[in-house]
Amino acid sequence: MTFENLQFQRNGGVAWITLDRPAAANALSIGLAEEFCAAVDLANNNPDVHVIVLQGAGKFFCAGGDVAAMAEAEDPAEFLRILAGKMSEGLLALARSRLITIAAVHGAAAGAGLALVLNSDLVLASSNASFQSAYAKVGLTPDCGVSYLLPQAVGPRRAAEICLSGRVVTAPEALQWGLVNEVVDESDLQLRAEDLALQLAGSAAQTLGPTKRLLTTAAVAAYSKHLEDEVATISTIISHENTRNRIISFAGRSKTASQA
């Protein structure tokens, strides 16, 4: 299968999914969301693959949803319903899969980028990584599981602070709060992710999927319904005048910055 918005590579029992829209800070477009779902299925349907590594091309892990495309959409509510719905589909498939997912995070993981981190089983971060909700900046509510998984990861008080105030969490703070498993130098991130992924894939691989299922069964059972609620909420709130103004303003600033 040919991908245009991500790279899919396999190294033994490890599948590497690299978000590949560096000029847009790997923001999630509908095309990328569709390819993400296909890449997860491709990995999960290969019995020789046991681990997925998620990473981003360029300077950022993932800046979230494609705000510029939201601003230009003829029907923003329908656009968000499709985008958030498709990403939720892929993330739910990831949660239900037998595959162990490792996120290798460098630069910013914001909005839906934070969601990719939260939906991973293990998280490695470079020392320059940062984590933020970012939804409030553009007048949107969390999606892609952020409102479900973030309180579980860092506790309800810190989750509220991150989502409501727009607080940026640094890599050392993320380690202290339990949002990531390990922080390494930026130059070492790729090698560390490869070492960990190959270690897991080369272990008693038959135990990985069942162990993941046992660890997550209770949470995954309610996850699907919560994702539906997130999609319905975010696709409704985009019609609010304040939200529309924020999205247009944010998209304008991003376009100016990219042309500078």
Protein backbone atom coordinates (compact mmCIF):
# COMPACT_ATOMS: atom_id res chain seq x y z
CA MET A 1 0.00 0.00 0.00
CA THR A 2 1.22 3.50 -0.86
CA PHE A 3 0.96 6.22 1.77
CA GLU A 4 1.15 9.95 1.08
CA ASN A 5 0.82 11.41 4.58
CA LEU A 6 2.82 8.92 6.62
CA GLN A 7 5.64 6.46 6.25
CA PHE A 8 5.14 2.79 7.06
CA GLN A 9 8.20 0.60 7.50
CA ARG A 10 8.77 -2.81 9.00
CA ASN A 11 11.91 -4.00 10.72
CA GLY A 12 11.47 -7.59 11.87
CA GLY A 13 8.67 -7.67 14.42
CA VAL A 14 8.42 -3.88 14.58
CA ALA A 15 6.28 -1.60 12.42
CA TRP A 16 7.29 2.07 12.29
CA ILE A 17 4.53 4.61 11.60
CA THR A 18 5.97 8.07 10.94
CA LEU A 19 3.59 11.00 10.55
CA ASP A 20 4.93 12.73 7.46
CA ARG A 21 3.49 16.22 7.08
CA PRO A 22 6.49 18.14 8.46
CA ALA A 23 5.57 21.42 6.75
CA ALA A 24 2.30 21.35 8.70
CA ALA A 25 3.95 20.17 11.94
CA ASN A 26 2.39 16.74 11.22
CA ALA A 27 -1.08 18.13 11.86
CA LEU A 28 -3.79 15.53 11.36
CA SER A 29 -5.70 15.92 8.13
CA ILE A 30 -8.53 13.64 7.01
CA GLY A 31 -6.11 11.99 4.59
CA LEU A 32 -3.60 11.33 7.37
CA ALA A 33 -6.33 10.00 9.65
CA GLU A 34 -7.47 7.57 6.96
CA GLU A 35 -3.91 6.41 6.33
CA PHE A 36 -3.31 6.03 10.07
CA CYS A 37 -6.25 3.63 10.29
CA ALA A 38 -4.93 1.69 7.30
CA ALA A 39 -1.41 1.52 8.78
CA VAL A 40 -2.70 0.21 12.12
CA ASP A 41 -4.71 -2.46 10.29
CA LEU A 42 -1.71 -3.36 8.14
CA ALA A 43 0.45 -3.89 11.21
CA ASN A 44 -2.21 -5.70 13.20
CA ASN A 45 -3.00 -8.09 10.36
CA ASN A 46 0.63 -9.17 10.05
CA PRO A 47 1.24 -12.00 12.56
CA ASP A 48 4.98 -11.30 12.49
CA VAL A 49 4.53 -7.74 13.81
CA HIS A 50 4.28 -7.34 17.58
CA VAL A 51 5.22 -3.70 18.21
CA ILE A 52 4.35 -0.34 16.62
CA VAL A 53 6.55 2.74 17.02
CA LEU A 54 4.84 6.09 16.41
CA GLN A 55 6.97 9.10 15.55
CA GLY A 56 6.83 12.35 13.61
CA ALA A 57 8.96 13.61 10.73
CA GLY A 58 10.66 16.98 11.02
CA LYS A 59 10.80 19.20 14.10
CA PHE A 60 7.56 18.12 15.76
CA PHE A 61 5.82 14.96 16.85
CA CYS A 62 2.31 16.21 16.05
CA ALA A 63 0.72 19.65 16.43
CA GLY A 64 -2.82 18.28 16.62
CA GLY A 65 -5.66 18.59 14.14
CA ASP A 66 -5.25 20.57 10.91
CA VAL A 67 -6.66 23.94 12.03
CA ALA A 68 -6.03 25.53 8.62
CA ALA A 69 -8.23 22.89 6.97
CA MET A 70 -10.89 23.45 9.63
CA ALA A 71 -10.89 27.17 8.85
CA GLU A 72 -11.28 26.54 5.14
CA ALA A 73 -13.88 23.77 5.39
CA GLU A 74 -17.24 24.52 3.78
CA ASP A 75 -18.96 22.66 6.62
CA PRO A 76 -16.61 22.80 9.64
CA ALA A 77 -18.89 20.65 11.81
CA GLU A 78 -18.97 17.87 9.22
CA PHE A 79 -15.23 18.21 8.65
CA LEU A 80 -14.53 17.73 12.36
CA ARG A 81 -17.03 14.90 12.65
CA ILE A 82 -15.19 13.05 9.88
CA LEU A 83 -11.67 13.87 11.11
CA ALA A 84 -12.28 13.17 14.80
CA GLY A 85 -14.38 10.12 13.95
CA LYS A 86 -11.74 8.60 11.70
CA MET A 87 -8.92 9.19 14.19
CA SER A 88 -11.08 7.74 16.97
CA GLU A 89 -11.63 4.67 14.80
CA GLY A 90 -7.89 4.17 14.38
CA LEU A 91 -7.08 4.80 18.03
CA LEU A 92 -9.79 2.42 19.21
CA ALA A 93 -8.41 -0.22 16.85
CA LEU A 94 -4.99 0.41 18.36
CA ALA A 95 -6.37 0.06 21.89
CA ARG A 96 -8.10 -3.20 21.01
CA SER A 97 -5.16 -4.62 19.07
CA ARG A 98 -2.62 -7.14 20.34
CA LEU A 99 0.18 -4.74 19.36
CA ILE A 100 2.30 -2.88 21.88
CA THR A 101 2.59 0.77 20.86
CA ILE A 102 5.61 2.92 21.65
CA ALA A 103 5.44 6.68 21.07
CA ALA A 104 8.83 8.30 20.37
CA VAL A 105 8.15 11.99 20.99
CA HIS A 106 10.34 14.91 20.01
CA GLY A 107 9.25 18.52 19.87
CA ALA A 108 5.62 19.40 20.48
CA ALA A 109 2.84 16.89 21.04
CA ALA A 110 -0.29 19.05 21.12
CA GLY A 111 -4.02 18.36 20.91
CA ALA A 112 -4.50 15.16 18.97
CA GLY A 113 -0.72 14.75 19.15
CA LEU A 114 -1.11 14.46 22.91
CA ALA A 115 -3.84 11.90 22.19
CA LEU A 116 -1.39 9.75 20.22
CA VAL A 117 0.91 9.80 23.26
CA LEU A 118 -1.91 8.85 25.63
CA ASN A 119 -3.07 6.03 23.35
CA SER A 120 0.40 4.46 23.38
CA ASP A 121 1.42 1.75 25.83
CA LEU A 122 4.93 3.12 26.37
CA VAL A 123 6.25 6.63 25.77
CA LEU A 124 9.81 7.77 25.16
CA ALA A 125 10.43 11.51 25.02
CA SER A 126 13.39 13.58 23.95
CA SER A 127 14.58 16.27 26.33
CA ASN A 128 13.07 18.93 24.05
CA ALA A 129 9.61 17.33 23.95
CA SER A 130 6.58 19.21 25.25
CA PHE A 131 2.99 18.22 25.83
CA GLN A 132 -0.15 20.34 25.80
CA SER A 133 -3.86 20.03 25.27
CA ALA A 134 -4.10 23.14 23.01
CA TYR A 135 -7.81 22.62 22.34
CA ALA A 136 -8.88 25.63 24.41
CA LYS A 137 -6.68 27.94 22.32
CA VAL A 138 -8.96 27.40 19.36
CA GLY A 139 -12.17 27.05 21.38
CA LEU A 140 -12.51 23.30 20.98
CA THR A 141 -13.07 20.43 23.40
CA PRO A 142 -10.70 17.44 23.67
CA ASP A 143 -11.05 14.50 21.30
CA CYS A 144 -9.22 11.30 20.35
CA GLY A 145 -9.45 10.04 23.92
CA VAL A 146 -7.66 12.93 25.66
CA SER A 147 -10.49 13.60 28.11
CA TYR A 148 -10.69 9.88 28.93
CA LEU A 149 -7.02 8.95 29.12
CA LEU A 150 -5.35 12.08 30.50
CA PRO A 151 -7.00 11.91 33.97
CA GLN A 152 -5.93 8.26 34.18
CA ALA A 153 -2.35 9.17 33.27
CA VAL A 154 -1.73 12.24 35.44
CA GLY A 155 -4.73 12.45 37.80
CA PRO A 156 -7.88 14.58 37.57
CA ARG A 157 -6.39 17.81 38.99
CA ARG A 158 -3.43 17.92 36.64
CA ALA A 159 -5.63 16.84 33.72
CA ALA A 160 -7.97 19.74 34.43
CA GLU A 161 -5.03 22.16 34.58
CA ILE A 162 -3.64 20.92 31.27
CA CYS A 163 -6.96 21.03 29.45
CA LEU A 164 -8.45 24.20 30.93
CA SER A 165 -5.42 26.48 31.27
CA GLY A 166 -3.39 25.41 28.26
CA ARG A 167 -0.41 24.59 30.46
CA VAL A 168 2.60 23.25 28.56
CA VAL A 169 4.19 20.23 30.24
CA THR A 170 7.94 19.87 29.75
CA ALA A 171 9.67 16.54 29.28
CA PRO A 172 11.02 16.40 32.86
CA GLU A 173 7.56 17.24 34.22
CA ALA A 174 5.98 14.61 31.98
CA LEU A 175 8.34 12.02 33.42
CA GLN A 176 7.59 13.10 36.98
CA TRP A 177 3.84 13.06 36.35
CA GLY A 178 3.83 9.62 34.72
CA LEU A 179 2.93 10.88 31.24
CA VAL A 180 6.10 9.35 29.77
CA ASN A 181 8.26 6.39 30.74
CA GLU A 182 11.67 7.78 29.90
CA VAL A 183 13.40 10.98 28.76
CA VAL A 184 16.52 10.78 26.59
CA ASP A 185 18.68 13.21 24.64
CA GLU A 186 17.17 14.15 21.29
CA SER A 187 20.05 12.52 19.42
CA ASP A 188 19.42 9.23 21.23
CA LEU A 189 15.64 9.01 20.81
CA GLN A 190 15.53 7.03 17.56
CA LEU A 191 18.09 4.47 18.76
CA ARG A 192 16.43 4.07 22.15
CA ALA A 193 13.03 3.52 20.51
CA GLU A 194 14.52 0.94 18.18
CA ASP A 195 16.27 -0.87 21.02
CA LEU A 196 13.12 -1.01 23.15
CA ALA A 197 10.90 -2.08 20.26
CA LEU A 198 13.25 -4.87 19.17
CA GLN A 199 13.67 -6.00 22.77
CA LEU A 200 9.91 -6.38 23.15
CA ALA A 201 9.42 -7.99 19.74
CA GLY A 202 12.24 -10.43 20.46
CA SER A 203 10.92 -11.45 23.87
CA ALA A 204 8.16 -13.98 24.56
CA ALA A 205 6.05 -12.19 21.96
CA GLN A 206 3.11 -14.54 22.48
CA THR A 207 2.58 -12.91 25.89
CA LEU A 208 2.51 -9.28 24.74
CA GLY A 209 -1.02 -9.10 23.34
CA PRO A 210 -2.68 -11.12 26.13
CA THR A 211 -0.85 -9.10 28.79
CA LYS A 212 -1.94 -5.84 27.18
CA ARG A 213 -5.53 -7.13 27.09
CA LEU A 214 -5.47 -8.02 30.76
CA LEU A 215 -4.04 -4.63 31.70
CA THR A 216 -6.55 -2.63 29.64
CA THR A 217 -9.78 -4.64 29.40
CA ALA A 218 -11.74 -2.62 31.94
CA ALA A 219 -10.73 0.73 30.45
CA VAL A 220 -11.22 -0.27 26.80
CA ALA A 221 -14.74 -1.51 27.51
CA ALA A 222 -15.93 2.05 28.16
CA TYR A 223 -13.54 3.76 25.74
CA SER A 224 -15.64 3.36 22.59
CA LYS A 225 -18.67 5.16 24.03
CA HIS A 226 -16.51 7.98 25.40
CA LEU A 227 -14.87 8.49 21.99
CA GLU A 228 -18.32 8.85 20.45
CA ASP A 229 -19.18 11.51 23.02
CA GLU A 230 -15.96 13.41 22.26
CA VAL A 231 -16.65 13.37 18.51
CA ALA A 232 -20.22 14.60 19.00
CA THR A 233 -19.11 17.38 21.36
CA ILE A 234 -16.21 18.73 19.31
CA SER A 235 -18.17 18.69 16.05
CA THR A 236 -20.97 20.65 17.72
CA ILE A 237 -18.86 23.26 19.49
CA ILE A 238 -17.03 24.26 16.32
CA SER A 239 -20.21 26.08 15.28
CA HIS A 240 -19.87 28.49 18.22
CA GLU A 241 -18.98 32.00 17.02
CA ASN A 242 -16.06 32.36 19.44
CA THR A 243 -14.62 29.04 18.31
CA ARG A 244 -14.90 29.95 14.63
CA ASN A 245 -13.15 33.27 15.25
CA ARG A 246 -10.36 31.57 17.19
CA ILE A 247 -9.82 28.95 14.48
CA ILE A 248 -9.67 31.56 11.71
CA SER A 249 -7.25 33.69 13.73
CA PHE A 250 -5.03 30.72 14.61
CA ALA A 251 -4.99 29.49 11.01
CA GLY A 252 -3.99 32.97 9.83
CA ARG A 253 -1.09 33.18 12.27
CA SER A 254 0.09 29.69 11.32
CA LYS A 255 0.01 30.55 7.61
CA THR A 256 1.97 33.76 8.20
CA ALA A 257 4.56 31.89 10.29
CA SER A 258 5.02 29.19 7.64
CA GLN A 259 5.64 31.84 4.96
CA ALA A 260 8.19 33.74 7.04
